[in-house]
């Protein structure tokens, strides 16, 4: 069984539970992330969940979809394409469509060979990496929803897959900026939500990052500035990496400015 698919469903279920009692009007409210509304968040998650599923069930269909996406980039950009793709769905109808599809998708992915190669916008990836990426994006975009609604998220240890992506993409953070890493990946020592300790990289006293796994995941997914966390960062390489860490694909993105992403008081 591909356990990461269960983790993806658990994270999606947590976001669904947060949203299921809202009325339609609430989904039009803007969050702290680029002014995206709750509708925008669900449009994005639903379309790319569908795309990841399509890359498994119908590779030719996925490639046609991706070609259409790339052609649209000069005509309104990705957000306009997502709105066109989603059609008339919004509010609670969109919420229920997203919920039904991710539930079906998660069940399907539990039975996939973890090593099966799947097409994507960049290089092919394993099925395990594909569903882990969906977990990461659901968790990351879910953060703006939790923040907007004034709810402090209670993470589970299934975020380990996000921490793994965060460390595996140390080199990617620099590659997407056409830069060379200033040194080897620092040692990372994280405290999981359960209290377990997760360690990544070679032990080092001079280059290291220590602290909450949740906060590390917040930084590498760019939902928090490093200065808004309690992470202990030691060394020039570690400091440079944490100033721009990016575990997601695409063009280089700038982390949010300090103090701009936070859980609102209710």
Protein backbone atom coordinates (compact mmCIF):
# COMPACT_ATOMS: atom_id res chain seq x y z
CA UNK A 1 0.00 0.00 0.00
CA UNK A 2 1.24 3.51 -0.86
CA UNK A 3 0.93 5.11 2.58
CA UNK A 4 1.57 8.59 1.19
CA UNK A 5 -1.86 8.36 -0.47
CA UNK A 6 -3.42 7.92 2.98
CA UNK A 7 -1.43 10.92 4.21
CA UNK A 8 -2.73 12.97 1.27
CA UNK A 9 -6.29 12.02 2.16
CA UNK A 10 -5.77 12.81 5.85
CA UNK A 11 -4.52 16.30 5.02
CA UNK A 12 -7.30 16.88 2.51
CA UNK A 13 -9.88 15.67 5.04
CA UNK A 14 -8.55 18.14 7.62
CA UNK A 15 -9.00 21.01 5.16
CA UNK A 16 -12.46 19.78 4.18
CA UNK A 17 -13.52 19.64 7.84
CA UNK A 18 -12.43 23.27 8.20
CA UNK A 19 -14.50 24.39 5.21
CA UNK A 20 -17.60 22.21 5.23
CA UNK A 21 -19.73 24.47 7.46
CA UNK A 22 -19.04 27.72 5.56
CA UNK A 23 -21.71 29.35 3.45
CA UNK A 24 -21.18 30.21 -0.22
CA UNK A 25 -20.32 33.85 0.46
CA UNK A 26 -17.33 32.91 2.63
CA UNK A 27 -15.57 31.23 -0.30
CA UNK A 28 -15.24 34.62 -2.04
CA UNK A 29 -13.18 36.09 0.81
CA UNK A 30 -9.52 36.89 0.07
CA UNK A 31 -6.66 35.27 1.97
CA UNK A 32 -3.15 36.55 2.74
CA UNK A 33 -1.71 34.63 -0.24
CA UNK A 34 -1.65 36.95 -3.26
CA UNK A 35 -5.28 37.87 -2.61
CA UNK A 36 -6.45 34.37 -3.51
CA UNK A 37 -9.96 33.59 -2.33
CA UNK A 38 -10.99 30.29 -0.81
CA UNK A 39 -12.53 29.53 -4.21
CA UNK A 40 -9.13 30.13 -5.83
CA UNK A 41 -7.48 27.70 -3.41
CA UNK A 42 -9.97 24.94 -4.16
CA UNK A 43 -9.85 25.57 -7.93
CA UNK A 44 -6.09 25.18 -7.85
CA UNK A 45 -6.07 22.06 -5.69
CA UNK A 46 -8.90 20.39 -7.61
CA UNK A 47 -7.44 20.97 -11.06
CA UNK A 48 -3.95 19.77 -10.18
CA UNK A 49 -5.31 16.77 -8.26
CA UNK A 50 -7.18 15.90 -11.45
CA UNK A 51 -4.00 16.37 -13.50
CA UNK A 52 -1.93 14.13 -11.21
CA UNK A 53 -4.63 11.46 -11.35
CA UNK A 54 -4.85 11.80 -15.14
CA UNK A 55 -1.10 11.28 -15.48
CA UNK A 56 -1.70 7.84 -13.96
CA UNK A 57 -4.97 6.76 -15.60
CA UNK A 58 -4.58 8.35 -19.07
CA UNK A 59 -1.13 9.60 -19.98
CA UNK A 60 -2.18 10.87 -23.43
CA UNK A 61 -5.01 12.89 -21.92
CA UNK A 62 -2.64 14.38 -19.37
CA UNK A 63 -0.14 15.40 -22.06
CA UNK A 64 -2.92 17.08 -24.06
CA UNK A 65 -4.03 18.92 -20.92
CA UNK A 66 -0.48 20.05 -20.18
CA UNK A 67 -0.02 21.33 -23.72
CA UNK A 68 -3.21 23.35 -23.35
CA UNK A 69 -1.98 24.76 -20.02
CA UNK A 70 1.34 25.82 -21.52
CA UNK A 71 -0.37 27.55 -24.44
CA UNK A 72 -2.60 29.47 -22.04
CA UNK A 73 0.27 31.03 -20.13
CA UNK A 74 0.41 33.95 -22.54
CA UNK A 75 -3.33 34.52 -22.43
CA UNK A 76 -4.21 35.45 -18.87
CA UNK A 77 -1.89 33.11 -17.01
CA UNK A 78 -2.43 30.07 -14.84
CA UNK A 79 -5.17 31.50 -12.64
CA UNK A 80 -7.31 32.42 -15.65
CA UNK A 81 -6.82 28.89 -17.01
CA UNK A 82 -7.85 27.33 -13.70
CA UNK A 83 -11.01 29.42 -13.60
CA UNK A 84 -11.84 28.41 -17.16
CA UNK A 85 -11.17 24.73 -16.39
CA UNK A 86 -13.34 24.74 -13.27
CA UNK A 87 -16.32 26.17 -15.15
CA UNK A 88 -19.27 27.34 -13.06
CA UNK A 89 -18.23 25.56 -9.87
CA UNK A 90 -17.76 27.76 -6.81
CA UNK A 91 -18.53 27.82 -3.11
CA UNK A 92 -20.01 24.70 -1.58
CA UNK A 93 -20.49 23.00 -4.96
CA UNK A 94 -16.77 23.36 -5.66
CA UNK A 95 -15.94 22.16 -2.16
CA UNK A 96 -17.98 18.98 -2.63
CA UNK A 97 -16.54 18.31 -6.12
CA UNK A 98 -13.00 18.63 -4.75
CA UNK A 99 -13.87 16.41 -1.76
CA UNK A 100 -15.41 13.66 -3.88
CA UNK A 101 -12.52 13.60 -6.33
CA UNK A 102 -9.63 13.60 -3.85
CA UNK A 103 -11.32 10.78 -1.89
CA UNK A 104 -11.57 8.64 -5.02
CA UNK A 105 -8.05 9.60 -6.13
CA UNK A 106 -6.49 8.74 -2.76
CA UNK A 107 -8.06 5.29 -2.80
CA UNK A 108 -6.80 4.70 -6.33
CA UNK A 109 -3.24 5.77 -5.46
CA UNK A 110 -3.02 3.42 -2.47
CA UNK A 111 -2.72 0.56 -4.97
CA UNK A 112 -0.21 2.17 -7.36
CA UNK A 113 3.33 0.78 -7.58
CA UNK A 114 5.29 3.47 -5.67
CA UNK A 115 8.07 3.33 -8.28
CA UNK A 116 5.82 3.69 -11.32
CA UNK A 117 6.97 6.67 -13.42
CA UNK A 118 4.36 9.33 -14.10
CA UNK A 119 4.48 12.28 -16.48
CA UNK A 120 4.42 15.79 -15.02
CA UNK A 121 5.07 19.39 -16.01
CA UNK A 122 8.77 18.93 -15.31
CA UNK A 123 10.67 15.63 -15.27
CA UNK A 124 8.76 12.37 -14.82
CA UNK A 125 8.36 11.37 -11.19
CA UNK A 126 7.53 8.28 -9.20
CA UNK A 127 3.97 7.67 -8.06
CA UNK A 128 5.21 8.14 -4.48
CA UNK A 129 6.65 11.54 -5.36
CA UNK A 130 3.50 12.49 -7.27
CA UNK A 131 1.10 11.87 -4.39
CA UNK A 132 3.59 13.37 -1.91
CA UNK A 133 3.59 16.53 -4.02
CA UNK A 134 -0.22 16.62 -3.83
CA UNK A 135 0.03 16.26 -0.05
CA UNK A 136 2.56 19.10 0.06
CA UNK A 137 0.47 21.43 -2.06
CA UNK A 138 -2.73 20.66 -0.13
CA UNK A 139 -0.92 21.36 3.14
CA UNK A 140 0.74 24.54 1.82
CA UNK A 141 -2.38 26.09 0.29
CA UNK A 142 -4.39 24.86 3.23
CA UNK A 143 -2.27 27.13 5.43
CA UNK A 144 -3.76 30.30 3.95
CA UNK A 145 -7.21 28.90 4.69
CA UNK A 146 -6.36 28.08 8.31
CA UNK A 147 -4.75 31.52 8.68
CA UNK A 148 -7.73 33.32 7.16
CA UNK A 149 -10.25 31.50 9.35
CA UNK A 150 -8.18 32.07 12.50
CA UNK A 151 -7.57 28.39 13.23
CA UNK A 152 -4.20 27.06 14.43
CA UNK A 153 -3.58 23.85 12.52
CA UNK A 154 -2.80 20.70 14.49
CA UNK A 155 -0.36 18.74 12.35
CA UNK A 156 0.21 15.00 12.33
CA UNK A 157 3.36 13.06 11.52
CA UNK A 158 2.18 12.60 7.93
CA UNK A 159 3.92 15.94 7.25
CA UNK A 160 7.17 13.96 7.23
CA UNK A 161 6.74 13.58 3.45
CA UNK A 162 6.81 17.39 3.18
CA UNK A 163 9.96 17.58 5.30
CA UNK A 164 11.54 14.96 3.02
CA UNK A 165 10.60 17.04 -0.04
CA UNK A 166 11.99 20.09 1.70
CA UNK A 167 15.40 18.53 2.20
CA UNK A 168 15.47 16.71 -1.15
CA UNK A 169 14.95 20.03 -2.92
CA UNK A 170 17.92 21.81 -1.33
CA UNK A 171 19.66 21.75 -4.72
CA UNK A 172 16.46 22.68 -6.57
CA UNK A 173 16.18 25.93 -4.59
CA UNK A 174 19.43 27.01 -6.25
CA UNK A 175 18.90 25.35 -9.65
CA UNK A 176 15.64 27.21 -10.27
CA UNK A 177 17.55 30.45 -9.60
CA UNK A 178 20.44 29.38 -11.84
CA UNK A 179 22.74 29.44 -8.82
CA UNK A 180 25.24 26.98 -7.38
CA UNK A 181 24.65 25.85 -3.80
CA UNK A 182 27.24 27.54 -1.55
CA UNK A 183 28.01 24.21 0.09
CA UNK A 184 26.55 20.82 1.02
CA UNK A 185 23.04 20.63 2.48
CA UNK A 186 23.11 21.55 6.17
CA UNK A 187 22.19 19.06 8.85
CA UNK A 188 18.47 19.25 9.66
CA UNK A 189 17.09 18.06 13.00
CA UNK A 190 13.33 18.39 13.43
CA UNK A 191 10.87 17.64 16.18
CA UNK A 192 7.79 15.93 14.72
CA UNK A 193 4.25 16.69 15.93
CA UNK A 194 4.38 13.41 17.89
CA UNK A 195 7.65 14.38 19.56
CA UNK A 196 9.77 12.04 17.46
CA UNK A 197 13.03 13.41 16.07
CA UNK A 198 13.66 13.43 12.32
CA UNK A 199 17.22 13.92 11.05
CA UNK A 200 18.38 14.70 7.51
CA UNK A 201 21.86 15.20 6.09
CA UNK A 202 25.30 14.81 7.60
CA UNK A 203 25.74 15.73 11.26
CA UNK A 204 27.30 19.20 11.57
CA UNK A 205 27.73 21.75 14.34
CA UNK A 206 28.59 24.59 11.96
CA UNK A 207 25.78 24.19 9.41
CA UNK A 208 22.47 23.10 10.89
CA UNK A 209 18.75 23.81 11.21
CA UNK A 210 16.85 22.70 14.30
CA UNK A 211 13.31 23.03 15.56
CA UNK A 212 9.70 22.28 14.77
CA UNK A 213 9.01 20.07 11.76
CA UNK A 214 5.84 22.07 11.13
CA UNK A 215 7.81 25.33 10.99
CA UNK A 216 10.42 23.80 8.70
CA UNK A 217 7.65 22.69 6.36
CA UNK A 218 6.17 26.20 6.51
CA UNK A 219 9.47 27.70 5.40
CA UNK A 220 10.24 25.30 2.53
CA UNK A 221 6.68 25.67 1.18
CA UNK A 222 6.96 29.47 1.58
CA UNK A 223 3.90 29.95 3.77
CA UNK A 224 6.01 31.63 6.47
CA UNK A 225 9.15 33.75 6.45
CA UNK A 226 12.00 32.16 8.38
CA UNK A 227 11.99 35.20 10.71
CA UNK A 228 8.42 34.36 11.75
CA UNK A 229 9.47 30.96 13.11
CA UNK A 230 11.44 29.69 16.09
CA UNK A 231 13.77 27.58 13.93
CA UNK A 232 17.41 27.75 15.01
CA UNK A 233 19.57 28.34 11.93
CA UNK A 234 23.36 28.07 12.21
CA UNK A 235 25.87 28.74 9.42
CA UNK A 236 26.06 30.76 6.20
CA UNK A 237 24.75 27.97 3.95
CA UNK A 238 21.83 27.21 6.25
CA UNK A 239 20.97 30.91 6.52
CA UNK A 240 21.11 31.42 2.76
CA UNK A 241 18.98 28.32 2.07
CA UNK A 242 16.30 29.22 4.60
CA UNK A 243 16.07 32.74 3.15
CA UNK A 244 14.72 31.33 -0.15
CA UNK A 245 13.95 27.61 0.29
CA UNK A 246 11.49 26.32 -2.30
CA UNK A 247 10.29 22.73 -2.37
CA UNK A 248 7.75 23.18 -5.18
CA UNK A 249 8.28 23.16 -8.95
CA UNK A 250 8.19 26.16 -11.23
CA UNK A 251 9.95 29.49 -11.47
CA UNK A 252 11.74 30.88 -8.41
CA UNK A 253 9.36 32.46 -5.92
CA UNK A 254 10.13 34.93 -3.15
CA UNK A 255 9.07 33.91 0.37
CA UNK A 256 6.49 36.13 2.07
CA UNK A 257 7.84 39.19 3.81
CA UNK A 258 8.19 38.92 7.59
CA UNK A 259 4.91 39.44 9.40
CA UNK A 260 2.67 39.12 6.34
CA UNK A 261 1.51 35.52 6.82
CA UNK A 262 -0.03 34.68 10.20
CA UNK A 263 -3.06 33.10 11.81
CA UNK A 264 -5.69 35.81 12.22
CA UNK A 265 -7.31 36.41 15.58
CA UNK A 266 -10.99 35.57 15.70
